[in-house]
Amino acid sequence: MAILRASQIRKMVSSERKKKLTELKTELLNLQGKAKTGSVESAGRVRELKRTIARIYTIEQEESNE
């Protein structure tokens, strides 16, 4: 899965963002579990997922304040 940029996230409808958020959280939990056992393929992917999740939360918050 590619990195989601802020412009791409802003184009999404709120329901799409929530769906994507649950997908990313699930993937993050799976990768964190693999990291604890030492069988993670890409350590950078965990960081990328955390940042993307934070972007989605930030944009949701911005739009709720408008």
C-alpha atoms as a PDB file:
ATOM      1  CA  MET A   1       0.000   0.000   0.000  1.00  0.00           C
ATOM      2  CA  ALA A   2       1.370   3.388  -0.924  1.00  0.00           C
ATOM      3  CA  ILE A   3       1.682   6.359   1.375  1.00  0.00           C
ATOM      4  CA  LEU A   4      -1.502   8.412   1.554  1.00  0.00           C
ATOM      5  CA  ARG A   5      -0.784  12.076   1.115  1.00  0.00           C
ATOM      6  CA  ALA A   6      -2.856  14.771   2.811  1.00  0.00           C
ATOM      7  CA  SER A   7      -4.315  15.867  -0.529  1.00  0.00           C
ATOM      8  CA  GLN A   8      -5.527  12.323  -1.206  1.00  0.00           C
ATOM      9  CA  ILE A   9      -7.051  12.046   2.252  1.00  0.00           C
ATOM     10  CA  ARG A  10      -8.848  15.384   1.888  1.00  0.00           C
ATOM     11  CA  LYS A  11     -10.490  14.154  -1.339  1.00  0.00           C
ATOM     12  CA  MET A  12     -12.009  11.206   0.532  1.00  0.00           C
ATOM     13  CA  VAL A  13     -15.453  11.296   2.077  1.00  0.00           C
ATOM     14  CA  SER A  14     -15.575  10.876   5.861  1.00  0.00           C
ATOM     15  CA  SER A  15     -16.897   7.320   5.590  1.00  0.00           C
ATOM     16  CA  GLU A  16     -14.038   6.380   3.250  1.00  0.00           C
ATOM     17  CA  ARG A  17     -11.535   7.811   5.730  1.00  0.00           C
ATOM     18  CA  LYS A  18     -13.010   5.794   8.576  1.00  0.00           C
ATOM     19  CA  LYS A  19     -12.843   2.623   6.503  1.00  0.00           C
ATOM     20  CA  LYS A  20      -9.233   3.328   5.531  1.00  0.00           C
ATOM     21  CA  LEU A  21      -8.411   4.093   9.166  1.00  0.00           C
ATOM     22  CA  THR A  22      -9.647   0.697  10.344  1.00  0.00           C
ATOM     23  CA  GLU A  23      -7.673  -1.020   7.574  1.00  0.00           C
ATOM     24  CA  LEU A  24      -4.488   0.826   8.524  1.00  0.00           C
ATOM     25  CA  LYS A  25      -4.938   0.127  12.231  1.00  0.00           C
ATOM     26  CA  THR A  26      -5.401  -3.572  11.528  1.00  0.00           C
ATOM     27  CA  GLU A  27      -2.288  -3.644   9.383  1.00  0.00           C
ATOM     28  CA  LEU A  28      -0.341  -1.765  12.064  1.00  0.00           C
ATOM     29  CA  LEU A  29      -1.370  -4.264  14.758  1.00  0.00           C
ATOM     30  CA  ASN A  30      -0.319  -7.154  12.527  1.00  0.00           C
ATOM     31  CA  LEU A  31       3.067  -5.580  11.815  1.00  0.00           C
ATOM     32  CA  GLN A  32       3.659  -4.736  15.474  1.00  0.00           C
ATOM     33  CA  GLY A  33       2.965  -8.360  16.359  1.00  0.00           C
ATOM     34  CA  LYS A  34       5.437  -9.515  13.738  1.00  0.00           C
ATOM     35  CA  ALA A  35       8.010  -6.998  14.990  1.00  0.00           C
ATOM     36  CA  LYS A  36       7.840  -8.488  18.491  1.00  0.00           C
ATOM     37  CA  THR A  37       8.610 -11.936  17.123  1.00  0.00           C
ATOM     38  CA  GLY A  38      11.351 -10.549  14.908  1.00  0.00           C
ATOM     39  CA  SER A  39       9.845 -11.485  11.564  1.00  0.00           C
ATOM     40  CA  VAL A  40       8.896  -8.062  10.224  1.00  0.00           C
ATOM     41  CA  GLU A  41       9.717  -7.477   6.564  1.00  0.00           C
ATOM     42  CA  SER A  42       9.987  -3.704   6.662  1.00  0.00           C
ATOM     43  CA  ALA A  43      10.523  -1.775   9.878  1.00  0.00           C
ATOM     44  CA  GLY A  44       9.885   1.493   8.049  1.00  0.00           C
ATOM     45  CA  ARG A  45       6.352   0.383   7.232  1.00  0.00           C
ATOM     46  CA  VAL A  46       5.317   0.662  10.911  1.00  0.00           C
ATOM     47  CA  ARG A  47       6.458   4.272  10.994  1.00  0.00           C
ATOM     48  CA  GLU A  48       4.692   5.008   7.699  1.00  0.00           C
ATOM     49  CA  LEU A  49       1.426   3.527   8.994  1.00  0.00           C
ATOM     50  CA  LYS A  50       1.573   5.555  12.203  1.00  0.00           C
ATOM     51  CA  ARG A  51       2.096   8.764  10.251  1.00  0.00           C
ATOM     52  CA  THR A  52      -0.739   8.007   7.836  1.00  0.00           C
ATOM     53  CA  ILE A  53      -3.097   7.260  10.723  1.00  0.00           C
ATOM     54  CA  ALA A  54      -2.107  10.558  12.337  1.00  0.00           C
ATOM     55  CA  ARG A  55      -2.753  12.399   9.051  1.00  0.00           C
ATOM     56  CA  ILE A  56      -6.265  10.956   8.845  1.00  0.00           C
ATOM     57  CA  TYR A  57      -7.029  11.925  12.450  1.00  0.00           C
ATOM     58  CA  THR A  58      -5.691  15.438  11.872  1.00  0.00           C
ATOM     59  CA  ILE A  59      -7.749  16.026   8.734  1.00  0.00           C
ATOM     60  CA  GLU A  60     -10.878  14.645  10.414  1.00  0.00           C
ATOM     61  CA  GLN A  61     -10.315  17.061  13.307  1.00  0.00           C
ATOM     62  CA  GLU A  62      -9.745  20.020  10.953  1.00  0.00           C
ATOM     63  CA  GLU A  63     -12.956  19.314   9.074  1.00  0.00           C
ATOM     64  CA  SER A  64     -14.990  18.912  12.258  1.00  0.00           C
ATOM     65  CA  ASN A  65     -13.780  22.351  13.444  1.00  0.00           C
ATOM     66  CA  GLU A  66     -14.913  24.102  10.271  1.00  0.00           C
END
